[in-house]
Protein backbone atom coordinates (compact mmCIF):
# COMPACT_ATOMS: atom_id res chain seq x y z
CA MET A 1 0.00 0.00 0.00
CA PRO A 2 1.37 3.46 -0.88
CA GLU A 3 2.68 5.53 2.00
CA ILE A 4 0.79 8.72 2.74
CA ASN A 5 0.97 11.28 5.52
CA TRP A 6 -2.72 11.70 6.25
CA LEU A 7 -2.25 14.73 8.51
CA ALA A 8 -0.23 16.50 5.82
CA ALA A 9 -2.85 15.67 3.19
CA LEU A 10 -5.64 16.93 5.44
CA ALA A 11 -3.70 20.14 6.20
CA ALA A 12 -3.09 20.62 2.47
CA ALA A 13 -6.80 20.12 1.74
CA VAL A 14 -7.92 22.59 4.39
CA SER A 15 -5.30 25.08 3.18
CA SER A 16 -6.49 24.81 -0.42
CA PHE A 17 -10.11 25.14 0.73
CA ALA A 18 -9.18 28.34 2.61
CA VAL A 19 -7.47 29.70 -0.50
CA GLY A 20 -10.73 29.09 -2.38
CA GLY A 21 -12.62 31.07 0.23
CA LEU A 22 -10.29 34.01 -0.26
CA TRP A 23 -10.09 33.65 -4.05
CA TYR A 24 -13.84 33.68 -4.58
CA ALA A 25 -14.55 36.30 -1.90
CA PRO A 26 -16.27 39.48 -3.18
CA ALA A 27 -13.15 41.52 -2.38
CA LEU A 28 -11.00 39.47 -4.77
CA PHE A 29 -12.62 37.63 -7.71
CA GLY A 30 -16.06 36.76 -6.31
CA LYS A 31 -18.13 39.43 -8.01
CA THR A 32 -16.40 38.96 -11.38
CA TRP A 33 -16.73 35.17 -11.07
CA GLN A 34 -20.41 35.53 -10.22
CA ARG A 35 -21.06 37.73 -13.25
CA GLU A 36 -19.04 35.58 -15.66
CA ALA A 37 -20.52 32.31 -14.36
CA GLY A 38 -24.02 33.74 -14.58
CA VAL A 39 -24.77 33.13 -10.92
CA THR A 40 -27.25 35.61 -9.45
CA ASP A 41 -27.41 36.94 -5.90
CA GLU A 42 -30.70 35.07 -5.53
CA GLN A 43 -29.07 31.79 -6.54
CA ILE A 44 -26.30 32.32 -4.01
CA LYS A 45 -28.85 32.98 -1.25
CA THR A 46 -30.84 29.83 -2.05
CA GLY A 47 -27.86 27.47 -2.25
CA ASN A 48 -27.40 24.77 0.39
CA PRO A 49 -24.18 25.82 2.16
CA VAL A 50 -23.63 22.41 3.76
CA LYS A 51 -23.85 20.70 0.37
CA ILE A 52 -21.76 23.35 -1.42
CA PHE A 53 -19.02 23.97 1.13
CA GLY A 54 -19.05 20.43 2.51
CA GLY A 55 -18.82 18.99 -0.98
CA ALA A 56 -16.03 21.39 -1.90
CA LEU A 57 -14.07 20.42 1.22
CA VAL A 58 -14.49 16.71 0.46
CA MET A 59 -13.23 17.31 -3.08
CA CYS A 60 -10.24 19.27 -1.71
CA VAL A 61 -9.44 16.28 0.53
CA ILE A 62 -9.64 13.90 -2.44
CA ALA A 63 -7.40 16.18 -4.53
CA ALA A 64 -4.83 16.52 -1.73
CA VAL A 65 -4.75 12.81 -0.93
CA VAL A 66 -4.34 11.77 -4.57
CA PHE A 67 -1.71 14.47 -5.12
CA ALA A 68 0.15 13.19 -2.03
CA LEU A 69 0.07 9.71 -3.56
CA PHE A 70 1.38 11.14 -6.82
CA LEU A 71 4.25 12.97 -5.09
CA GLY A 72 5.23 9.98 -2.98
CA PRO A 73 6.49 9.97 0.59
CA LYS A 74 8.49 12.98 1.80
CA PRO A 75 8.79 15.01 -1.42
CA GLY A 76 11.13 17.97 -1.29
CA VAL A 77 9.42 21.34 -0.91
CA GLY A 78 10.76 22.64 -4.24
CA PHE A 79 9.65 19.58 -6.18
CA ALA A 80 6.25 19.38 -4.46
CA THR A 81 5.49 23.07 -4.97
CA SER A 82 6.58 23.13 -8.61
CA ALA A 83 4.71 19.89 -9.30
CA GLY A 84 1.61 21.43 -7.72
CA PHE A 85 1.96 24.53 -9.87
CA ALA A 86 2.42 22.41 -13.00
CA ALA A 87 -0.55 20.17 -12.14
CA GLY A 88 -2.82 23.13 -11.50
CA LEU A 89 -1.77 25.05 -14.59
CA CYS A 90 -1.06 22.31 -17.10
CA TRP A 91 -3.61 19.66 -16.11
CA VAL A 92 -6.50 21.36 -14.38
CA ALA A 93 -6.52 24.83 -15.96
CA THR A 94 -5.94 23.51 -19.46
CA SER A 95 -8.74 20.99 -18.97
CA PHE A 96 -11.04 23.86 -17.99
CA GLY A 97 -9.78 25.73 -21.04
CA ILE A 98 -10.79 22.94 -23.39
CA ASN A 99 -14.31 22.83 -21.95
CA TYR A 100 -14.61 26.62 -21.87
CA LEU A 101 -13.68 26.91 -25.55
CA PHE A 102 -16.48 24.57 -26.57
CA GLU A 103 -18.91 26.05 -24.05
CA ARG A 104 -18.08 29.58 -25.24
CA LYS A 105 -17.30 30.71 -21.70
CA SER A 106 -15.37 33.90 -21.11
CA THR A 107 -11.63 34.29 -20.81
CA ALA A 108 -12.23 36.05 -17.49
CA LEU A 109 -14.00 32.98 -16.07
CA PHE A 110 -11.19 30.76 -17.37
CA LEU A 111 -8.56 32.94 -15.70
CA ILE A 112 -10.44 33.03 -12.39
CA ASN A 113 -11.17 29.29 -12.21
CA GLY A 114 -7.93 28.13 -13.80
CA GLY A 115 -6.00 30.56 -11.63
CA TYR A 116 -7.61 29.24 -8.47
CA HIS A 117 -6.76 25.63 -9.29
CA THR A 118 -3.21 26.59 -10.18
CA VAL A 119 -2.84 28.28 -6.79
CA GLN A 120 -4.76 25.45 -5.10
CA PHE A 121 -2.39 22.74 -6.28
CA THR A 122 0.64 24.94 -5.64
CA VAL A 123 -0.52 25.33 -2.03
CA ILE A 124 -1.24 21.61 -1.74
CA GLY A 125 2.26 20.86 -3.00
CA LEU A 126 3.80 23.44 -0.68
CA VAL A 127 2.06 22.03 2.41
CA LEU A 128 2.93 18.44 1.47
CA GLY A 129 6.54 19.43 0.77
CA LEU A 130 6.94 21.33 4.03
CA TRP A 131 5.45 18.53 6.13
CA HIS A 132 8.11 16.03 7.20
């Protein structure tokens, strides 16, 4: 069975979830994201926060655990951080980009969402690399 530091993976997940909270806050990209995604204030008010935030946290945990498995035990901080940046930018953001081209979504939405996942995986890699 592959070796994984579960506390490091959980810390990385919570860290990336917190980055998402900041990234999509109204003071940063939240209002632009909302406009570009076509999400109204009314839709935000009627959303189920347990389902939305709980589901997002669970997905952050899955991403961090699988990325920890990908990095292997005790990755160096430089390798883990750069691998996180590359995964976020070159795997996740480009995958969004492909969908967004066909869905005719805006460049602004691509930059916001792709940018978050690039930062998300960079933070996951950083936390996993720092944790020994």
